[in-house]
C-alpha atoms as a PDB file:
ATOM      1  CA  MET A   1     179.820  21.090  67.671  1.00  0.00           C
ATOM      2  CA  ALA A   2     179.396  24.512  69.261  1.00  0.00           C
ATOM      3  CA  ALA A   3     179.767  27.611  67.096  1.00  0.00           C
ATOM      4  CA  ARG A   4     183.166  29.189  67.619  1.00  0.00           C
ATOM      5  CA  ILE A   5     182.570  31.786  64.881  1.00  0.00           C
ATOM      6  CA  LYS A   6     179.262  33.599  64.451  1.00  0.00           C
ATOM      7  CA  LYS A   7     177.774  36.230  62.154  1.00  0.00           C
ATOM      8  CA  ASN A   8     179.220  39.774  62.622  1.00  0.00           C
ATOM      9  CA  ASP A   9     182.391  38.437  64.299  1.00  0.00           C
ATOM     10  CA  SER A  10     185.686  39.965  63.268  1.00  0.00           C
ATOM     11  CA  VAL A  11     187.992  37.231  61.962  1.00  0.00           C
ATOM     12  CA  MET A  12     191.500  36.903  60.567  1.00  0.00           C
ATOM     13  CA  ILE A  13     192.253  34.562  57.684  1.00  0.00           C
ATOM     14  CA  ILE A  14     195.181  32.351  58.663  1.00  0.00           C
ATOM     15  CA  ALA A  15     195.682  30.339  55.450  1.00  0.00           C
ATOM     16  CA  GLY A  16     195.326  30.790  51.713  1.00  0.00           C
ATOM     17  CA  LYS A  17     195.749  33.708  49.336  1.00  0.00           C
ATOM     18  CA  GLU A  18     194.087  36.176  51.744  1.00  0.00           C
ATOM     19  CA  ARG A  19     196.264  35.204  54.753  1.00  0.00           C
ATOM     20  CA  GLY A  20     196.650  37.929  57.384  1.00  0.00           C
ATOM     21  CA  LYS A  21     193.609  39.979  56.345  1.00  0.00           C
ATOM     22  CA  ILE A  22     190.824  40.842  58.786  1.00  0.00           C
ATOM     23  CA  GLY A  23     187.136  41.071  57.925  1.00  0.00           C
ATOM     24  CA  LYS A  24     183.602  40.718  59.249  1.00  0.00           C
ATOM     25  CA  VAL A  25     181.643  37.463  58.912  1.00  0.00           C
ATOM     26  CA  ILE A  26     178.551  37.899  56.730  1.00  0.00           C
ATOM     27  CA  ARG A  27     177.200  34.344  56.836  1.00  0.00           C
ATOM     28  CA  VAL A  28     178.098  31.036  58.502  1.00  0.00           C
ATOM     29  CA  GLN A  29     177.207  27.658  56.965  1.00  0.00           C
ATOM     30  CA  PRO A  30     177.572  25.212  59.888  1.00  0.00           C
ATOM     31  CA  GLN A  31     176.699  22.054  57.899  1.00  0.00           C
ATOM     32  CA  GLN A  32     179.493  22.735  55.382  1.00  0.00           C
ATOM     33  CA  GLU A  33     181.801  24.176  58.094  1.00  0.00           C
ATOM     34  CA  ARG A  34     182.299  27.329  56.014  1.00  0.00           C
ATOM     35  CA  ALA A  35     181.842  31.087  56.419  1.00  0.00           C
ATOM     36  CA  VAL A  36     181.643  34.090  54.089  1.00  0.00           C
ATOM     37  CA  VAL A  37     183.813  37.079  55.063  1.00  0.00           C
ATOM     38  CA  GLU A  38     182.982  40.588  53.823  1.00  0.00           C
ATOM     39  CA  ARG A  39     185.140  41.737  50.825  1.00  0.00           C
ATOM     40  CA  LEU A  40     187.600  38.813  51.182  1.00  0.00           C
ATOM     41  CA  ASN A  41     188.116  35.716  49.002  1.00  0.00           C
ATOM     42  CA  MET A  42     186.496  37.442  46.009  1.00  0.00           C
ATOM     43  CA  VAL A  43     185.675  35.331  42.933  1.00  0.00           C
ATOM     44  CA  LYS A  44     184.221  36.199  39.518  1.00  0.00           C
ATOM     45  CA  ARG A  45     181.059  34.513  38.283  1.00  0.00           C
ATOM     46  CA  HIS A  46     179.669  34.730  34.757  1.00  0.00           C
ATOM     47  CA  VAL A  47     175.939  35.488  34.998  1.00  0.00           C
ATOM     48  CA  LYS A  48     173.478  34.979  32.170  1.00  0.00           C
ATOM     49  CA  PRO A  49     170.991  37.811  31.465  1.00  0.00           C
ATOM     50  CA  ARG A  50     167.592  37.040  33.021  1.00  0.00           C
ATOM     51  CA  GLY A  51     165.056  39.426  31.496  1.00  0.00           C
ATOM     52  CA  PRO A  52     165.182  43.021  30.266  1.00  0.00           C
ATOM     53  CA  GLN A  53     166.248  44.616  33.593  1.00  0.00           C
ATOM     54  CA  ASP A  54     169.009  42.112  34.431  1.00  0.00           C
ATOM     55  CA  SER A  55     171.927  42.654  32.065  1.00  0.00           C
ATOM     56  CA  GLY A  56     174.110  39.764  33.239  1.00  0.00           C
ATOM     57  CA  GLY A  57     177.880  39.900  32.793  1.00  0.00           C
ATOM     58  CA  ILE A  58     180.778  39.135  35.109  1.00  0.00           C
ATOM     59  CA  LEU A  59     179.770  39.456  38.767  1.00  0.00           C
ATOM     60  CA  GLU A  60     182.331  39.645  41.576  1.00  0.00           C
ATOM     61  CA  LYS A  61     181.274  38.205  44.944  1.00  0.00           C
ATOM     62  CA  GLU A  62     182.658  36.651  48.119  1.00  0.00           C
ATOM     63  CA  ALA A  63     183.320  32.919  48.228  1.00  0.00           C
ATOM     64  CA  SER A  64     183.089  30.874  51.401  1.00  0.00           C
ATOM     65  CA  ILE A  65     186.146  29.921  53.456  1.00  0.00           C
ATOM     66  CA  HIS A  66     186.557  26.822  55.597  1.00  0.00           C
ATOM     67  CA  LEU A  67     186.246  27.575  59.331  1.00  0.00           C
ATOM     68  CA  SER A  68     189.633  25.990  60.030  1.00  0.00           C
ATOM     69  CA  ASN A  69     191.236  28.822  58.018  1.00  0.00           C
ATOM     70  CA  LEU A  70     189.641  31.534  60.190  1.00  0.00           C
ATOM     71  CA  MET A  71     190.667  32.789  63.614  1.00  0.00           C
ATOM     72  CA  LEU A  72     188.483  35.018  65.769  1.00  0.00           C
ATOM     73  CA  VAL A  73     189.880  38.470  66.589  1.00  0.00           C
ATOM     74  CA  ASP A  74     189.402  39.436  70.241  1.00  0.00           C
ATOM     75  CA  PRO A  75     187.356  42.688  70.196  1.00  0.00           C
ATOM     76  CA  GLN A  76     189.052  44.086  73.334  1.00  0.00           C
ATOM     77  CA  ASP A  77     192.594  43.031  72.417  1.00  0.00           C
ATOM     78  CA  GLY A  78     192.542  43.323  68.617  1.00  0.00           C
ATOM     79  CA  ARG A  79     194.683  40.202  68.193  1.00  0.00           C
ATOM     80  CA  PRO A  80     193.616  36.767  66.892  1.00  0.00           C
ATOM     81  CA  THR A  81     192.716  34.226  69.536  1.00  0.00           C
ATOM     82  CA  ARG A  82     191.526  30.671  69.924  1.00  0.00           C
ATOM     83  CA  VAL A  83     188.018  30.233  71.342  1.00  0.00           C
ATOM     84  CA  GLY A  84     187.059  28.265  74.434  1.00  0.00           C
ATOM     85  CA  PHE A  85     183.786  27.838  76.297  1.00  0.00           C
ATOM     86  CA  ARG A  86     182.757  28.506  79.885  1.00  0.00           C
ATOM     87  CA  VAL A  87     179.392  27.899  81.570  1.00  0.00           C
ATOM     88  CA  VAL A  88     178.248  30.909  83.635  1.00  0.00           C
ATOM     89  CA  ASP A  89     174.813  30.924  85.333  1.00  0.00           C
ATOM     90  CA  GLY A  90     173.638  28.042  83.130  1.00  0.00           C
ATOM     91  CA  ARG A  91     174.671  29.811  79.893  1.00  0.00           C
ATOM     92  CA  LYS A  92     177.478  28.574  77.664  1.00  0.00           C
ATOM     93  CA  LEU A  93     179.682  31.539  76.708  1.00  0.00           C
ATOM     94  CA  ARG A  94     182.547  31.885  74.258  1.00  0.00           C
ATOM     95  CA  VAL A  95     185.828  32.860  75.918  1.00  0.00           C
ATOM     96  CA  SER A  96     189.099  34.143  74.466  1.00  0.00           C
ATOM     97  CA  ARG A  97     191.928  31.694  75.174  1.00  0.00           C
ATOM     98  CA  ARG A  98     194.510  34.482  74.873  1.00  0.00           C
ATOM     99  CA  THR A  99     193.035  36.901  77.433  1.00  0.00           C
ATOM    100  CA  GLY A 100     190.195  35.029  79.154  1.00  0.00           C
ATOM    101  CA  ASN A 101     187.673  37.721  78.139  1.00  0.00           C
ATOM    102  CA  VAL A 102     184.079  36.691  77.486  1.00  0.00           C
ATOM    103  CA  LEU A 103     183.320  37.194  73.783  1.00  0.00           C
ATOM    104  CA  ASP A 104     179.488  37.043  73.857  1.00  0.00           C
END
């Protein structure tokens, strides 16, 4: 399946406790169909101390979100849009379904 969401894309969360918030994609995990969005879907993890420099404690970090719960935000329009594909000069490009603008 072609990548509809890529690293550094601006996305809106459309389901879950963070619904309606917009953030930047840090990492995409295509095999698990999940992505990590900057400063959204924060979880707390208890970390054991590992040596004299690492104190351990409760660490807060981003958890991954399923790709079906994310919608790409059109950079020119600023509104969420579905993603389509168009072949131009032998290259497959992502296209906004709302406006028809090329996203790549």
